[in-house]
N, C-alpha and C. Protein backbone atom coordinates (compact mmCIF):
# COMPACT_ATOMS: atom_id res chain seq x y z
N UNK A 1 -6.23 14.62 76.96
CA UNK A 1 -6.33 14.01 75.64
C UNK A 1 -5.19 14.51 74.74
N UNK A 2 -4.77 15.76 74.96
CA UNK A 2 -3.69 16.31 74.15
C UNK A 2 -2.42 15.46 74.28
N UNK A 3 -2.17 14.97 75.49
CA UNK A 3 -0.99 14.13 75.73
C UNK A 3 -1.05 12.87 74.87
N UNK A 4 -2.22 12.27 74.75
CA UNK A 4 -2.38 11.06 73.92
C UNK A 4 -2.02 11.35 72.47
N UNK A 5 -2.45 12.49 71.97
CA UNK A 5 -2.20 12.85 70.56
C UNK A 5 -0.71 12.96 70.25
N UNK A 6 0.10 13.24 71.27
CA UNK A 6 1.54 13.40 71.08
C UNK A 6 2.32 12.09 71.25
N UNK A 7 1.68 11.06 71.80
CA UNK A 7 2.37 9.80 72.08
C UNK A 7 2.65 9.01 70.80
N UNK A 8 3.81 8.35 70.78
CA UNK A 8 4.20 7.50 69.65
C UNK A 8 4.11 6.03 70.03
N UNK A 9 4.05 5.19 69.03
CA UNK A 9 3.92 3.75 69.19
C UNK A 9 5.01 3.15 70.07
N UNK A 10 6.26 3.60 69.90
CA UNK A 10 7.38 2.94 70.58
C UNK A 10 7.28 2.98 72.11
N UNK A 11 6.49 3.87 72.66
CA UNK A 11 6.34 3.93 74.12
C UNK A 11 5.43 2.83 74.66
N UNK A 12 4.51 2.35 73.84
CA UNK A 12 3.49 1.41 74.32
C UNK A 12 3.52 0.03 73.64
N UNK A 13 4.28 -0.12 72.59
CA UNK A 13 4.26 -1.39 71.84
C UNK A 13 4.92 -2.51 72.65
N UNK A 14 4.59 -3.74 72.30
CA UNK A 14 5.27 -4.91 72.83
C UNK A 14 6.47 -5.16 71.93
N UNK A 15 7.64 -5.22 72.52
CA UNK A 15 8.87 -5.34 71.72
C UNK A 15 9.24 -6.78 71.39
N UNK A 16 8.92 -7.70 72.27
CA UNK A 16 9.24 -9.11 72.01
C UNK A 16 8.00 -9.75 71.42
N UNK A 17 8.04 -9.94 70.12
CA UNK A 17 6.87 -10.41 69.38
C UNK A 17 7.01 -11.89 69.07
N UNK A 18 5.97 -12.64 69.35
CA UNK A 18 5.94 -14.05 69.00
C UNK A 18 5.55 -14.15 67.53
N UNK A 19 6.34 -14.85 66.75
CA UNK A 19 6.10 -15.01 65.32
C UNK A 19 5.90 -16.48 64.99
N UNK A 20 5.43 -16.73 63.77
CA UNK A 20 5.26 -18.10 63.30
C UNK A 20 5.90 -18.26 61.93
N UNK A 21 6.15 -19.50 61.59
CA UNK A 21 6.69 -19.85 60.28
C UNK A 21 5.54 -20.16 59.32
N UNK A 22 5.78 -19.96 58.04
CA UNK A 22 4.74 -20.26 57.06
C UNK A 22 4.50 -21.76 56.93
N UNK A 23 5.38 -22.59 57.48
CA UNK A 23 5.23 -24.04 57.43
C UNK A 23 4.43 -24.61 58.60
N UNK A 24 4.07 -23.77 59.56
CA UNK A 24 3.27 -24.21 60.70
C UNK A 24 1.92 -24.73 60.21
N UNK A 25 1.43 -25.82 60.80
CA UNK A 25 0.13 -26.37 60.39
C UNK A 25 -1.00 -25.62 61.09
N UNK A 26 -2.20 -25.76 60.56
CA UNK A 26 -3.38 -25.16 61.19
C UNK A 26 -3.58 -25.74 62.59
N UNK A 27 -3.28 -27.00 62.76
CA UNK A 27 -3.40 -27.65 64.07
C UNK A 27 -2.47 -26.98 65.07
N UNK A 28 -1.22 -26.77 64.68
CA UNK A 28 -0.25 -26.10 65.55
C UNK A 28 -0.65 -24.65 65.80
N UNK A 29 -1.14 -23.99 64.76
CA UNK A 29 -1.59 -22.60 64.90
C UNK A 29 -2.77 -22.51 65.86
N UNK A 30 -3.68 -23.44 65.76
CA UNK A 30 -4.84 -23.49 66.65
C UNK A 30 -4.38 -23.59 68.11
N UNK A 31 -3.39 -24.43 68.36
CA UNK A 31 -2.85 -24.57 69.72
C UNK A 31 -2.23 -23.26 70.20
N UNK A 32 -1.51 -22.57 69.31
CA UNK A 32 -0.90 -21.29 69.68
C UNK A 32 -1.96 -20.24 70.02
N UNK A 33 -2.98 -20.14 69.17
CA UNK A 33 -4.04 -19.18 69.45
C UNK A 33 -4.69 -19.47 70.80
N UNK A 34 -4.87 -20.73 71.12
CA UNK A 34 -5.49 -21.11 72.39
C UNK A 34 -4.59 -20.79 73.58
N UNK A 35 -3.32 -21.05 73.46
CA UNK A 35 -2.42 -20.85 74.60
C UNK A 35 -2.03 -19.39 74.80
N UNK A 36 -1.89 -18.63 73.72
CA UNK A 36 -1.43 -17.24 73.85
C UNK A 36 -2.57 -16.24 73.91
N UNK A 37 -3.71 -16.61 73.39
CA UNK A 37 -4.85 -15.70 73.28
C UNK A 37 -4.49 -14.45 72.49
N UNK A 38 -3.64 -14.61 71.48
CA UNK A 38 -3.34 -13.52 70.54
C UNK A 38 -4.37 -13.58 69.42
N UNK A 39 -4.51 -12.48 68.70
CA UNK A 39 -5.42 -12.43 67.57
C UNK A 39 -4.70 -12.55 66.24
N UNK A 40 -3.39 -12.37 66.26
CA UNK A 40 -2.61 -12.44 65.02
C UNK A 40 -1.14 -12.71 65.35
N UNK A 41 -0.47 -13.32 64.39
CA UNK A 41 0.97 -13.53 64.48
C UNK A 41 1.62 -13.05 63.18
N UNK A 42 2.73 -12.31 63.27
CA UNK A 42 3.50 -12.06 62.06
C UNK A 42 4.11 -13.38 61.58
N UNK A 43 4.14 -13.57 60.27
CA UNK A 43 4.72 -14.77 59.67
C UNK A 43 6.10 -14.38 59.13
N UNK A 44 7.12 -15.12 59.54
CA UNK A 44 8.48 -14.81 59.12
C UNK A 44 9.09 -15.96 58.33
N UNK A 45 10.06 -15.59 57.49
CA UNK A 45 10.78 -16.61 56.73
C UNK A 45 12.03 -17.03 57.51
N UNK A 46 12.92 -17.80 56.89
CA UNK A 46 14.11 -18.30 57.57
C UNK A 46 15.05 -17.19 58.03
N UNK A 47 15.02 -16.05 57.34
CA UNK A 47 15.88 -14.92 57.70
C UNK A 47 15.20 -13.98 58.71
N UNK A 48 14.02 -14.38 59.21
CA UNK A 48 13.24 -13.60 60.17
C UNK A 48 12.64 -12.34 59.55
N UNK A 49 12.54 -12.31 58.21
CA UNK A 49 11.86 -11.22 57.53
C UNK A 49 10.36 -11.48 57.57
N UNK A 50 9.57 -10.45 57.81
CA UNK A 50 8.12 -10.60 57.85
C UNK A 50 7.59 -10.75 56.44
N UNK A 51 6.89 -11.85 56.20
CA UNK A 51 6.35 -12.12 54.86
C UNK A 51 4.82 -12.14 54.86
N UNK A 52 4.22 -11.98 56.03
CA UNK A 52 2.77 -12.00 56.09
C UNK A 52 2.28 -11.88 57.52
N UNK A 53 0.97 -12.00 57.64
CA UNK A 53 0.30 -11.93 58.93
C UNK A 53 -0.79 -12.98 58.92
N UNK A 54 -0.87 -13.78 59.98
CA UNK A 54 -1.93 -14.78 60.09
C UNK A 54 -2.81 -14.39 61.28
N UNK A 55 -4.11 -14.38 61.04
CA UNK A 55 -5.07 -13.93 62.05
C UNK A 55 -6.04 -15.06 62.41
N UNK A 56 -6.75 -14.87 63.51
CA UNK A 56 -7.79 -15.83 63.86
C UNK A 56 -8.86 -15.85 62.78
N UNK A 57 -9.15 -14.69 62.20
CA UNK A 57 -10.12 -14.63 61.12
C UNK A 57 -9.67 -15.48 59.94
N UNK A 58 -8.40 -15.39 59.55
CA UNK A 58 -7.88 -16.21 58.46
C UNK A 58 -7.96 -17.69 58.77
N UNK A 59 -7.67 -18.04 60.02
CA UNK A 59 -7.79 -19.43 60.46
C UNK A 59 -9.23 -19.91 60.31
N UNK A 60 -10.18 -19.13 60.85
CA UNK A 60 -11.60 -19.52 60.80
C UNK A 60 -12.13 -19.55 59.38
N UNK A 61 -11.62 -18.66 58.55
CA UNK A 61 -12.09 -18.56 57.16
C UNK A 61 -11.90 -19.87 56.40
N UNK A 62 -10.85 -20.61 56.71
CA UNK A 62 -10.61 -21.86 55.97
C UNK A 62 -11.63 -22.94 56.35
N UNK A 63 -12.40 -22.72 57.43
CA UNK A 63 -13.44 -23.66 57.83
C UNK A 63 -14.83 -23.24 57.39
N UNK A 64 -14.93 -22.05 56.81
CA UNK A 64 -16.24 -21.53 56.39
C UNK A 64 -16.79 -22.40 55.26
N UNK A 65 -18.06 -22.71 55.37
CA UNK A 65 -18.74 -23.55 54.37
C UNK A 65 -19.60 -22.65 53.50
N UNK A 66 -19.36 -22.76 52.21
CA UNK A 66 -20.18 -22.01 51.26
C UNK A 66 -20.83 -22.99 50.29
N UNK A 67 -21.80 -22.52 49.54
CA UNK A 67 -22.47 -23.39 48.58
C UNK A 67 -21.51 -23.87 47.49
N UNK A 68 -20.50 -23.06 47.18
CA UNK A 68 -19.60 -23.43 46.10
C UNK A 68 -18.41 -24.28 46.57
N UNK A 69 -18.27 -24.48 47.86
CA UNK A 69 -17.12 -25.25 48.33
C UNK A 69 -17.52 -26.66 48.72
N UNK A 70 -16.61 -27.55 48.48
CA UNK A 70 -16.78 -28.92 48.92
C UNK A 70 -16.20 -28.99 50.33
N UNK A 71 -16.87 -29.65 51.22
CA UNK A 71 -16.41 -29.69 52.61
C UNK A 71 -15.28 -30.71 52.74
N UNK A 72 -14.04 -30.19 52.99
CA UNK A 72 -12.94 -31.14 53.21
C UNK A 72 -13.04 -31.70 54.62
N UNK A 73 -12.38 -32.78 54.84
CA UNK A 73 -12.37 -33.39 56.16
C UNK A 73 -11.56 -32.51 57.13
N UNK A 74 -11.97 -32.51 58.38
CA UNK A 74 -11.35 -31.69 59.40
C UNK A 74 -9.84 -31.92 59.47
N UNK A 75 -9.42 -33.18 59.48
CA UNK A 75 -7.99 -33.46 59.61
C UNK A 75 -7.20 -32.96 58.40
N UNK A 76 -7.83 -32.91 57.22
CA UNK A 76 -7.17 -32.34 56.04
C UNK A 76 -6.96 -30.84 56.22
N UNK A 77 -7.98 -30.17 56.74
CA UNK A 77 -7.87 -28.73 56.98
C UNK A 77 -6.78 -28.43 58.02
N UNK A 78 -6.70 -29.24 59.03
CA UNK A 78 -5.73 -29.01 60.10
C UNK A 78 -4.29 -29.28 59.66
N UNK A 79 -4.10 -29.94 58.53
CA UNK A 79 -2.76 -30.17 57.99
C UNK A 79 -2.34 -29.05 57.05
N UNK A 80 -3.28 -28.16 56.71
CA UNK A 80 -2.91 -27.02 55.87
C UNK A 80 -1.86 -26.19 56.59
N UNK A 81 -1.17 -25.36 55.83
CA UNK A 81 -0.07 -24.55 56.38
C UNK A 81 -0.49 -23.09 56.53
N UNK A 82 0.22 -22.39 57.39
CA UNK A 82 -0.01 -20.96 57.58
C UNK A 82 0.09 -20.23 56.24
N UNK A 83 1.00 -20.66 55.39
CA UNK A 83 1.17 -20.01 54.09
C UNK A 83 -0.11 -20.03 53.26
N UNK A 84 -1.01 -20.99 53.54
CA UNK A 84 -2.28 -21.08 52.81
C UNK A 84 -3.29 -20.02 53.25
N UNK A 85 -3.16 -19.50 54.45
CA UNK A 85 -4.17 -18.58 54.98
C UNK A 85 -3.63 -17.21 55.39
N UNK A 86 -2.32 -17.02 55.34
CA UNK A 86 -1.76 -15.75 55.80
C UNK A 86 -2.08 -14.62 54.81
N UNK A 87 -2.07 -13.41 55.34
CA UNK A 87 -2.27 -12.21 54.53
C UNK A 87 -0.89 -11.70 54.16
N UNK A 88 -0.63 -11.50 52.87
CA UNK A 88 0.70 -11.04 52.46
C UNK A 88 0.79 -9.52 52.41
N UNK A 89 -0.32 -8.86 52.22
CA UNK A 89 -0.35 -7.40 52.25
C UNK A 89 -1.15 -7.00 53.48
N UNK A 90 -0.52 -6.32 54.42
CA UNK A 90 -1.15 -6.00 55.68
C UNK A 90 -0.74 -4.60 56.12
N UNK A 91 -1.53 -4.06 57.02
CA UNK A 91 -1.26 -2.73 57.56
C UNK A 91 -0.22 -2.86 58.66
N UNK A 92 0.75 -1.96 58.63
CA UNK A 92 1.75 -1.89 59.69
C UNK A 92 2.08 -0.43 59.95
N UNK A 93 2.70 -0.18 61.08
CA UNK A 93 3.09 1.18 61.45
C UNK A 93 4.55 1.17 61.85
N UNK A 94 5.13 2.35 62.00
CA UNK A 94 6.51 2.49 62.46
C UNK A 94 6.53 2.88 63.93
N UNK A 95 7.68 2.78 64.57
CA UNK A 95 7.79 3.11 65.99
C UNK A 95 7.47 4.57 66.31
N UNK A 96 7.64 5.46 65.34
CA UNK A 96 7.37 6.89 65.57
C UNK A 96 5.96 7.30 65.16
N UNK A 97 5.17 6.36 64.67
CA UNK A 97 3.78 6.65 64.31
C UNK A 97 3.02 7.09 65.56
N UNK A 98 2.23 8.13 65.43
CA UNK A 98 1.44 8.63 66.56
C UNK A 98 0.32 7.64 66.89
N UNK A 99 0.03 7.50 68.18
CA UNK A 99 -1.03 6.59 68.62
C UNK A 99 -2.39 6.99 68.08
N UNK A 100 -2.60 8.27 67.84
CA UNK A 100 -3.86 8.72 67.25
C UNK A 100 -4.06 8.08 65.88
N UNK A 101 -2.98 7.95 65.10
CA UNK A 101 -3.05 7.30 63.79
C UNK A 101 -3.32 5.80 63.95
N UNK A 102 -2.69 5.18 64.93
CA UNK A 102 -2.91 3.76 65.20
C UNK A 102 -4.38 3.53 65.56
N UNK A 103 -4.91 4.39 66.43
CA UNK A 103 -6.31 4.28 66.83
C UNK A 103 -7.22 4.41 65.61
N UNK A 104 -6.92 5.35 64.75
CA UNK A 104 -7.71 5.54 63.52
C UNK A 104 -7.68 4.29 62.66
N UNK A 105 -6.51 3.70 62.46
CA UNK A 105 -6.38 2.48 61.65
C UNK A 105 -7.13 1.32 62.28
N UNK A 106 -7.03 1.18 63.60
CA UNK A 106 -7.71 0.08 64.29
C UNK A 106 -9.22 0.18 64.14
N UNK A 107 -9.73 1.38 64.29
CA UNK A 107 -11.18 1.58 64.19
C UNK A 107 -11.64 1.42 62.74
N UNK A 108 -10.93 2.05 61.83
CA UNK A 108 -11.31 2.03 60.41
C UNK A 108 -11.28 0.63 59.81
N UNK A 109 -10.28 -0.17 60.20
CA UNK A 109 -10.10 -1.51 59.61
C UNK A 109 -10.45 -2.64 60.57
N UNK A 110 -10.97 -2.29 61.74
CA UNK A 110 -11.34 -3.27 62.76
C UNK A 110 -10.19 -4.22 63.12
N UNK A 111 -9.03 -3.62 63.35
CA UNK A 111 -7.83 -4.38 63.68
C UNK A 111 -7.68 -4.49 65.19
N UNK A 112 -7.20 -5.62 65.64
CA UNK A 112 -6.96 -5.82 67.07
C UNK A 112 -5.51 -5.56 67.43
N UNK A 113 -4.63 -5.73 66.46
CA UNK A 113 -3.21 -5.44 66.68
C UNK A 113 -2.58 -5.11 65.33
N UNK A 114 -1.48 -4.37 65.40
CA UNK A 114 -0.79 -3.94 64.19
C UNK A 114 0.70 -4.17 64.38
N UNK A 115 1.36 -4.86 63.44
CA UNK A 115 2.82 -5.01 63.54
C UNK A 115 3.51 -3.65 63.45
N UNK A 116 4.62 -3.52 64.18
CA UNK A 116 5.43 -2.31 64.13
C UNK A 116 6.72 -2.67 63.40
N UNK A 117 6.95 -2.01 62.28
CA UNK A 117 8.10 -2.32 61.42
C UNK A 117 9.09 -1.16 61.45
N UNK A 118 10.37 -1.51 61.51
CA UNK A 118 11.43 -0.51 61.49
C UNK A 118 11.96 -0.33 60.08
N UNK A 119 13.17 0.17 60.00
CA UNK A 119 13.84 0.38 58.72
C UNK A 119 13.99 -0.96 58.01
N UNK A 120 13.71 -0.99 56.72
CA UNK A 120 13.83 -2.23 55.96
C UNK A 120 12.76 -3.24 56.30
N UNK A 121 11.67 -2.77 56.88
CA UNK A 121 10.54 -3.62 57.27
C UNK A 121 10.95 -4.71 58.27
N UNK A 122 11.90 -4.39 59.13
CA UNK A 122 12.26 -5.31 60.22
C UNK A 122 11.17 -5.22 61.28
N UNK A 123 10.77 -6.35 61.82
CA UNK A 123 9.77 -6.38 62.88
C UNK A 123 10.41 -5.90 64.18
N UNK A 124 9.88 -4.81 64.75
CA UNK A 124 10.44 -4.28 66.00
C UNK A 124 9.44 -4.35 67.15
N UNK A 125 8.19 -4.71 66.84
CA UNK A 125 7.20 -4.80 67.90
C UNK A 125 5.81 -5.03 67.34
N UNK A 126 4.84 -4.94 68.24
CA UNK A 126 3.43 -5.04 67.85
C UNK A 126 2.64 -4.15 68.81
N UNK A 127 1.63 -3.49 68.31
CA UNK A 127 0.79 -2.64 69.14
C UNK A 127 -0.63 -3.17 69.09
N UNK A 128 -1.23 -3.33 70.26
CA UNK A 128 -2.56 -3.93 70.35
C UNK A 128 -3.57 -2.91 70.84
N UNK A 129 -4.84 -3.29 70.76
CA UNK A 129 -5.91 -2.44 71.30
C UNK A 129 -5.67 -2.15 72.77
N UNK A 130 -5.24 -3.16 73.51
CA UNK A 130 -4.99 -3.00 74.93
C UNK A 130 -3.89 -1.97 75.18
N UNK A 131 -2.86 -1.96 74.32
CA UNK A 131 -1.78 -0.96 74.45
C UNK A 131 -2.33 0.45 74.25
N UNK A 132 -3.18 0.62 73.24
CA UNK A 132 -3.77 1.93 72.95
C UNK A 132 -4.68 2.35 74.11
N UNK A 133 -5.44 1.41 74.64
CA UNK A 133 -6.32 1.72 75.77
C UNK A 133 -5.51 2.14 77.00
N UNK A 134 -4.37 1.48 77.21
CA UNK A 134 -3.49 1.84 78.32
C UNK A 134 -2.94 3.25 78.13
N UNK A 135 -2.56 3.58 76.90
CA UNK A 135 -2.07 4.93 76.60
C UNK A 135 -3.15 5.98 76.84
N UNK A 136 -4.36 5.65 76.45
CA UNK A 136 -5.48 6.59 76.70
C UNK A 136 -5.68 6.80 78.22
N UNK A 137 -5.66 5.71 78.97
CA UNK A 137 -5.81 5.81 80.43
C UNK A 137 -4.70 6.66 81.03
N UNK A 138 -3.47 6.36 80.65
CA UNK A 138 -2.33 7.10 81.18
C UNK A 138 -2.39 8.58 80.82
N UNK A 139 -2.83 8.87 79.61
CA UNK A 139 -2.88 10.26 79.14
C UNK A 139 -3.98 11.06 79.84
N UNK A 140 -5.06 10.40 80.18
CA UNK A 140 -6.16 11.12 80.81
C UNK A 140 -6.03 11.16 82.32
N UNK A 141 -5.13 10.34 82.88
CA UNK A 141 -4.91 10.32 84.34
C UNK A 141 -3.65 11.07 84.73
N UNK A 142 -2.95 11.56 83.75
CA UNK A 142 -1.73 12.31 84.06
C UNK A 142 -0.50 11.46 84.29
N UNK A 143 -0.46 10.28 83.67
CA UNK A 143 0.70 9.36 83.64
C UNK A 143 1.54 9.44 84.89
């Protein structure tokens, strides 16, 4: 377990991250979630700067029916854009962040993945629950 405590994000993160544009429709986003089986995508602008995070929860939230909401038609909802549901303030870590801290953030905030940002908030990767579980396995089996 001591080995796990010393491990940093950059050893286990996924470096090639699939991102989406804020102009993507909910219909297109739905197709991406289905094909990739990801739980979140970083949202980037034209300069590839990260401007938000869109999650399956955010997608589903726009379909939630409450007493105070009028039920829009399904096709209207599917034409909405990622910019309507993305989170602009989100948790991220750096490549040198210890995996123990990542694990703490995931448990505390019930996160499935966390973007990894470099200098100037450049997207350099993403770390998922599966990555942390792999690190735990490797650390307890003697890598």
